[in-house]
Amino acid sequence: MALLLVVLVLALLLGGLGFAVHVLWWIALVVLVLWLLGFLFRAGEGRRWYRW
Protein backbone atom coordinates (compact mmCIF):
# COMPACT_ATOMS: atom_id res chain seq x y z
CA MET A 1 0.00 0.00 0.00
CA ALA A 2 2.82 2.42 0.89
CA LEU A 3 4.58 1.64 -2.39
CA LEU A 4 1.40 2.48 -4.29
CA LEU A 5 1.15 5.82 -2.49
CA VAL A 6 4.80 6.62 -3.24
CA VAL A 7 4.29 5.85 -6.94
CA LEU A 8 1.13 7.98 -7.00
CA VAL A 9 2.88 10.92 -5.34
CA LEU A 10 5.83 10.64 -7.74
CA ALA A 11 3.48 10.56 -10.72
CA LEU A 12 1.68 13.67 -9.48
CA LEU A 13 4.94 15.51 -8.83
CA LEU A 14 6.44 14.64 -12.20
CA GLY A 15 3.19 15.50 -14.01
CA GLY A 16 3.00 18.85 -12.26
CA LEU A 17 6.65 19.53 -12.96
CA GLY A 18 6.18 18.73 -16.64
CA PHE A 19 3.25 21.15 -16.83
CA ALA A 20 5.25 23.89 -15.08
CA VAL A 21 8.19 23.43 -17.45
CA HIS A 22 5.80 23.59 -20.41
CA VAL A 23 4.34 26.87 -19.14
CA LEU A 24 7.82 28.29 -18.54
CA TRP A 25 8.83 27.47 -22.13
CA TRP A 26 5.80 29.41 -23.43
CA ILE A 27 6.64 32.37 -21.19
CA ALA A 28 10.26 32.30 -22.39
CA LEU A 29 9.07 32.23 -26.00
CA VAL A 30 6.81 35.26 -25.46
CA VAL A 31 9.63 37.19 -23.76
CA LEU A 32 12.00 36.33 -26.61
CA VAL A 33 9.51 37.58 -29.21
CA LEU A 34 8.97 40.83 -27.29
CA TRP A 35 12.72 41.32 -26.95
CA LEU A 36 13.27 40.75 -30.66
CA LEU A 37 10.45 43.17 -31.57
CA GLY A 38 11.94 45.80 -29.28
CA PHE A 39 15.34 45.23 -30.82
CA LEU A 40 14.01 45.59 -34.35
CA PHE A 41 11.89 48.68 -33.68
CA ARG A 42 14.58 50.49 -31.70
CA ALA A 43 17.42 49.61 -34.08
CA GLY A 44 15.90 51.82 -36.77
CA GLU A 45 16.10 54.91 -34.59
CA GLY A 46 19.89 54.84 -34.47
CA ARG A 47 20.31 55.18 -30.72
CA ARG A 48 21.12 52.60 -28.11
CA TRP A 49 18.03 51.02 -26.57
CA TYR A 50 19.88 49.16 -23.84
CA ARG A 51 21.55 50.62 -20.77
CA TRP A 52 24.65 48.47 -20.61
PDB file of N, CA and C in Angstrom:
ATOM      1  N   MET A   1       0.827  -1.197   0.000  1.00  0.00           N
ATOM      2  CA  MET A   1       0.000   0.000   0.000  1.00  0.00           C
ATOM      3  C   MET A   1       0.872   1.262   0.000  1.00  0.00           C
ATOM      4  N   ALA A   2       1.936   1.260   0.829  1.00  0.00           N
ATOM      5  CA  ALA A   2       2.820   2.419   0.891  1.00  0.00           C
ATOM      6  C   ALA A   2       3.535   2.623  -0.439  1.00  0.00           C
ATOM      7  N   LEU A   3       3.907   1.534  -1.091  1.00  0.00           N
ATOM      8  CA  LEU A   3       4.577   1.641  -2.386  1.00  0.00           C
ATOM      9  C   LEU A   3       3.636   2.260  -3.430  1.00  0.00           C
ATOM     10  N   LEU A   4       2.384   1.907  -3.377  1.00  0.00           N
ATOM     11  CA  LEU A   4       1.403   2.481  -4.287  1.00  0.00           C
ATOM     12  C   LEU A   4       1.245   3.984  -4.059  1.00  0.00           C
ATOM     13  N   LEU A   5       1.239   4.391  -2.795  1.00  0.00           N
ATOM     14  CA  LEU A   5       1.146   5.825  -2.490  1.00  0.00           C
ATOM     15  C   LEU A   5       2.388   6.575  -2.960  1.00  0.00           C
ATOM     16  N   VAL A   6       3.556   5.980  -2.782  1.00  0.00           N
ATOM     17  CA  VAL A   6       4.799   6.619  -3.235  1.00  0.00           C
ATOM     18  C   VAL A   6       4.782   6.788  -4.749  1.00  0.00           C
ATOM     19  N   VAL A   7       4.365   5.763  -5.471  1.00  0.00           N
ATOM     20  CA  VAL A   7       4.290   5.847  -6.936  1.00  0.00           C
ATOM     21  C   VAL A   7       3.276   6.909  -7.358  1.00  0.00           C
ATOM     22  N   LEU A   8       2.150   6.975  -6.678  1.00  0.00           N
ATOM     23  CA  LEU A   8       1.134   7.977  -7.000  1.00  0.00           C
ATOM     24  C   LEU A   8       1.651   9.392  -6.757  1.00  0.00           C
ATOM     25  N   VAL A   9       2.323   9.600  -5.643  1.00  0.00           N
ATOM     26  CA  VAL A   9       2.882  10.924  -5.338  1.00  0.00           C
ATOM     27  C   VAL A   9       3.952  11.294  -6.352  1.00  0.00           C
ATOM     28  N   LEU A  10       4.810  10.353  -6.726  1.00  0.00           N
ATOM     29  CA  LEU A  10       5.833  10.640  -7.738  1.00  0.00           C
ATOM     30  C   LEU A  10       5.195  10.983  -9.089  1.00  0.00           C
ATOM     31  N   ALA A  11       4.151  10.268  -9.459  1.00  0.00           N
ATOM     32  CA  ALA A  11       3.478  10.556 -10.721  1.00  0.00           C
ATOM     33  C   ALA A  11       2.863  11.950 -10.696  1.00  0.00           C
ATOM     34  N   LEU A  12       2.266  12.325  -9.582  1.00  0.00           N
ATOM     35  CA  LEU A  12       1.678  13.669  -9.481  1.00  0.00           C
ATOM     36  C   LEU A  12       2.746  14.752  -9.531  1.00  0.00           C
ATOM     37  N   LEU A  13       3.854  14.520  -8.835  1.00  0.00           N
ATOM     38  CA  LEU A  13       4.937  15.513  -8.834  1.00  0.00           C
ATOM     39  C   LEU A  13       5.538  15.677 -10.220  1.00  0.00           C
ATOM     40  N   LEU A  14       5.821  14.555 -10.876  1.00  0.00           N
ATOM     41  CA  LEU A  14       6.435  14.644 -12.204  1.00  0.00           C
ATOM     42  C   LEU A  14       5.464  15.225 -13.221  1.00  0.00           C
ATOM     43  N   GLY A  15       4.189  14.911 -13.111  1.00  0.00           N
ATOM     44  CA  GLY A  15       3.189  15.499 -14.006  1.00  0.00           C
ATOM     45  C   GLY A  15       3.072  16.994 -13.800  1.00  0.00           C
ATOM     46  N   GLY A  16       3.052  17.423 -12.558  1.00  0.00           N
ATOM     47  CA  GLY A  16       3.001  18.853 -12.259  1.00  0.00           C
ATOM     48  C   GLY A  16       4.251  19.575 -12.707  1.00  0.00           C
ATOM     49  N   LEU A  17       5.387  18.923 -12.537  1.00  0.00           N
ATOM     50  CA  LEU A  17       6.653  19.528 -12.964  1.00  0.00           C
ATOM     51  C   LEU A  17       6.691  19.669 -14.474  1.00  0.00           C
ATOM     52  N   GLY A  18       6.210  18.656 -15.175  1.00  0.00           N
ATOM     53  CA  GLY A  18       6.176  18.734 -16.638  1.00  0.00           C
ATOM     54  C   GLY A  18       5.284  19.869 -17.114  1.00  0.00           C
ATOM     55  N   PHE A  19       4.148  20.052 -16.471  1.00  0.00           N
ATOM     56  CA  PHE A  19       3.248  21.148 -16.830  1.00  0.00           C
ATOM     57  C   PHE A  19       3.904  22.492 -16.559  1.00  0.00           C
ATOM     58  N   ALA A  20       4.598  22.623 -15.420  1.00  0.00           N
ATOM     59  CA  ALA A  20       5.252  23.885 -15.076  1.00  0.00           C
ATOM     60  C   ALA A  20       6.360  24.204 -16.075  1.00  0.00           C
ATOM     61  N   VAL A  21       7.124  23.200 -16.467  1.00  0.00           N
ATOM     62  CA  VAL A  21       8.193  23.429 -17.447  1.00  0.00           C
ATOM     63  C   VAL A  21       7.591  23.835 -18.788  1.00  0.00           C
ATOM     64  N   HIS A  22       6.476  23.235 -19.162  1.00  0.00           N
ATOM     65  CA  HIS A  22       5.804  23.589 -20.412  1.00  0.00           C
ATOM     66  C   HIS A  22       5.356  25.052 -20.378  1.00  0.00           C
ATOM     67  N   VAL A  23       4.779  25.473 -19.274  1.00  0.00           N
ATOM     68  CA  VAL A  23       4.335  26.867 -19.140  1.00  0.00           C
ATOM     69  C   VAL A  23       5.535  27.809 -19.175  1.00  0.00           C
ATOM     70  N   LEU A  24       6.632  27.438 -18.527  1.00  0.00           N
ATOM     71  CA  LEU A  24       7.824  28.292 -18.537  1.00  0.00           C
ATOM     72  C   LEU A  24       8.408  28.425 -19.941  1.00  0.00           C
ATOM     73  N   TRP A  25       8.358  27.371 -20.748  1.00  0.00           N
ATOM     74  CA  TRP A  25       8.831  27.466 -22.131  1.00  0.00           C
ATOM     75  C   TRP A  25       7.991  28.460 -22.923  1.00  0.00           C
ATOM     76  N   TRP A  26       6.658  28.453 -22.723  1.00  0.00           N
ATOM     77  CA  TRP A  26       5.802  29.406 -23.433  1.00  0.00           C
ATOM     78  C   TRP A  26       6.086  30.832 -22.987  1.00  0.00           C
ATOM     79  N   ILE A  27       6.319  31.031 -21.689  1.00  0.00           N
ATOM     80  CA  ILE A  27       6.640  32.373 -21.185  1.00  0.00           C
ATOM     81  C   ILE A  27       7.972  32.849 -21.764  1.00  0.00           C
ATOM     82  N   ALA A  28       8.956  31.944 -21.818  1.00  0.00           N
ATOM     83  CA  ALA A  28      10.257  32.295 -22.390  1.00  0.00           C
ATOM     84  C   ALA A  28      10.120  32.645 -23.864  1.00  0.00           C
ATOM     85  N   LEU A  29       9.274  31.942 -24.585  1.00  0.00           N
ATOM     86  CA  LEU A  29       9.070  32.232 -26.004  1.00  0.00           C
ATOM     87  C   LEU A  29       8.430  33.606 -26.201  1.00  0.00           C
ATOM     88  N   VAL A  30       7.457  33.945 -25.369  1.00  0.00           N
ATOM     89  CA  VAL A  30       6.810  35.261 -25.458  1.00  0.00           C
ATOM     90  C   VAL A  30       7.805  36.370 -25.142  1.00  0.00           C
ATOM     91  N   VAL A  31       8.627  36.185 -24.116  1.00  0.00           N
ATOM     92  CA  VAL A  31       9.630  37.193 -23.763  1.00  0.00           C
ATOM     93  C   VAL A  31      10.648  37.352 -24.884  1.00  0.00           C
ATOM     94  N   LEU A  32      11.052  36.258 -25.500  1.00  0.00           N
ATOM     95  CA  LEU A  32      11.998  36.330 -26.609  1.00  0.00           C
ATOM     96  C   LEU A  32      11.411  37.103 -27.786  1.00  0.00           C
ATOM     97  N   VAL A  33      10.150  36.861 -28.105  1.00  0.00           N
ATOM     98  CA  VAL A  33       9.507  37.576 -29.212  1.00  0.00           C
ATOM     99  C   VAL A  33       9.419  39.071 -28.893  1.00  0.00           C
ATOM    100  N   LEU A  34       9.037  39.416 -27.667  1.00  0.00           N
ATOM    101  CA  LEU A  34       8.968  40.829 -27.289  1.00  0.00           C
ATOM    102  C   LEU A  34      10.335  41.489 -27.345  1.00  0.00           C
ATOM    103  N   TRP A  35      11.372  40.770 -26.918  1.00  0.00           N
ATOM    104  CA  TRP A  35      12.724  41.320 -26.951  1.00  0.00           C
ATOM    105  C   TRP A  35      13.168  41.556 -28.388  1.00  0.00           C
ATOM    106  N   LEU A  36      12.880  40.588 -29.263  1.00  0.00           N
ATOM    107  CA  LEU A  36      13.265  40.753 -30.664  1.00  0.00           C
ATOM    108  C   LEU A  36      12.509  41.900 -31.321  1.00  0.00           C
ATOM    109  N   LEU A  37      11.216  42.049 -31.013  1.00  0.00           N
ATOM    110  CA  LEU A  37      10.452  43.171 -31.566  1.00  0.00           C
ATOM    111  C   LEU A  37      11.007  44.502 -31.079  1.00  0.00           C
ATOM    112  N   GLY A  38      11.332  44.576 -29.803  1.00  0.00           N
ATOM    113  CA  GLY A  38      11.936  45.797 -29.276  1.00  0.00           C
ATOM    114  C   GLY A  38      13.267  46.096 -29.926  1.00  0.00           C
ATOM    115  N   PHE A  39      14.052  45.058 -30.162  1.00  0.00           N
ATOM    116  CA  PHE A  39      15.344  45.231 -30.820  1.00  0.00           C
ATOM    117  C   PHE A  39      15.163  45.746 -32.246  1.00  0.00           C
ATOM    118  N   LEU A  40      14.209  45.182 -32.967  1.00  0.00           N
ATOM    119  CA  LEU A  40      14.014  45.587 -34.354  1.00  0.00           C
ATOM    120  C   LEU A  40      13.450  47.001 -34.458  1.00  0.00           C
ATOM    121  N   PHE A  41      12.488  47.353 -33.605  1.00  0.00           N
ATOM    122  CA  PHE A  41      11.889  48.679 -33.681  1.00  0.00           C
ATOM    123  C   PHE A  41      12.847  49.769 -33.213  1.00  0.00           C
ATOM    124  N   ARG A  42      13.653  49.476 -32.211  1.00  0.00           N
ATOM    125  CA  ARG A  42      14.577  50.494 -31.702  1.00  0.00           C
ATOM    126  C   ARG A  42      15.832  50.608 -32.550  1.00  0.00           C
ATOM    127  N   ALA A  43      16.199  49.563 -33.273  1.00  0.00           N
ATOM    128  CA  ALA A  43      17.424  49.613 -34.081  1.00  0.00           C
ATOM    129  C   ALA A  43      17.291  50.632 -35.212  1.00  0.00           C
ATOM    130  N   GLY A  44      16.091  50.860 -35.690  1.00  0.00           N
ATOM    131  CA  GLY A  44      15.898  51.820 -36.774  1.00  0.00           C
ATOM    132  C   GLY A  44      16.056  53.260 -36.339  1.00  0.00           C
ATOM    133  N   GLU A  45      15.995  53.535 -35.067  1.00  0.00           N
ATOM    134  CA  GLU A  45      16.095  54.907 -34.592  1.00  0.00           C
ATOM    135  C   GLU A  45      17.539  55.382 -34.471  1.00  0.00           C
ATOM    136  N   GLY A  46      18.486  54.457 -34.482  1.00  0.00           N
ATOM    137  CA  GLY A  46      19.890  54.844 -34.474  1.00  0.00           C
ATOM    138  C   GLY A  46      20.470  55.127 -33.107  1.00  0.00           C
ATOM    139  N   ARG A  47      19.739  54.971 -32.041  1.00  0.00           N
ATOM    140  CA  ARG A  47      20.314  55.175 -30.721  1.00  0.00           C
ATOM    141  C   ARG A  47      20.264  53.875 -29.937  1.00  0.00           C
ATOM    142  N   ARG A  48      21.071  53.827 -28.904  1.00  0.00           N
ATOM    143  CA  ARG A  48      21.120  52.600 -28.112  1.00  0.00           C
ATOM    144  C   ARG A  48      19.838  52.460 -27.289  1.00  0.00           C
ATOM    145  N   TRP A  49      19.255  51.261 -27.320  1.00  0.00           N
ATOM    146  CA  TRP A  49      18.028  51.022 -26.568  1.00  0.00           C
ATOM    147  C   TRP A  49      18.274  50.241 -25.285  1.00  0.00           C
ATOM    148  N   TYR A  50      19.546  49.874 -25.072  1.00  0.00           N
ATOM    149  CA  TYR A  50      19.876  49.162 -23.836  1.00  0.00           C
ATOM    150  C   TYR A  50      20.766  50.041 -22.978  1.00  0.00           C
ATOM    151  N   ARG A  51      20.816  49.769 -21.700  1.00  0.00           N
ATOM    152  CA  ARG A  51      21.551  50.624 -20.768  1.00  0.00           C
ATOM    153  C   ARG A  51      22.982  50.170 -20.537  1.00  0.00           C
ATOM    154  N   TRP A  52      23.305  48.939 -20.884  1.00  0.00           N
ATOM    155  CA  TRP A  52      24.651  48.467 -20.606  1.00  0.00           C
ATOM    156  C   TRP A  52      25.478  48.567 -21.824  1.00  0.00           C
TER     157      TRP A  52
END
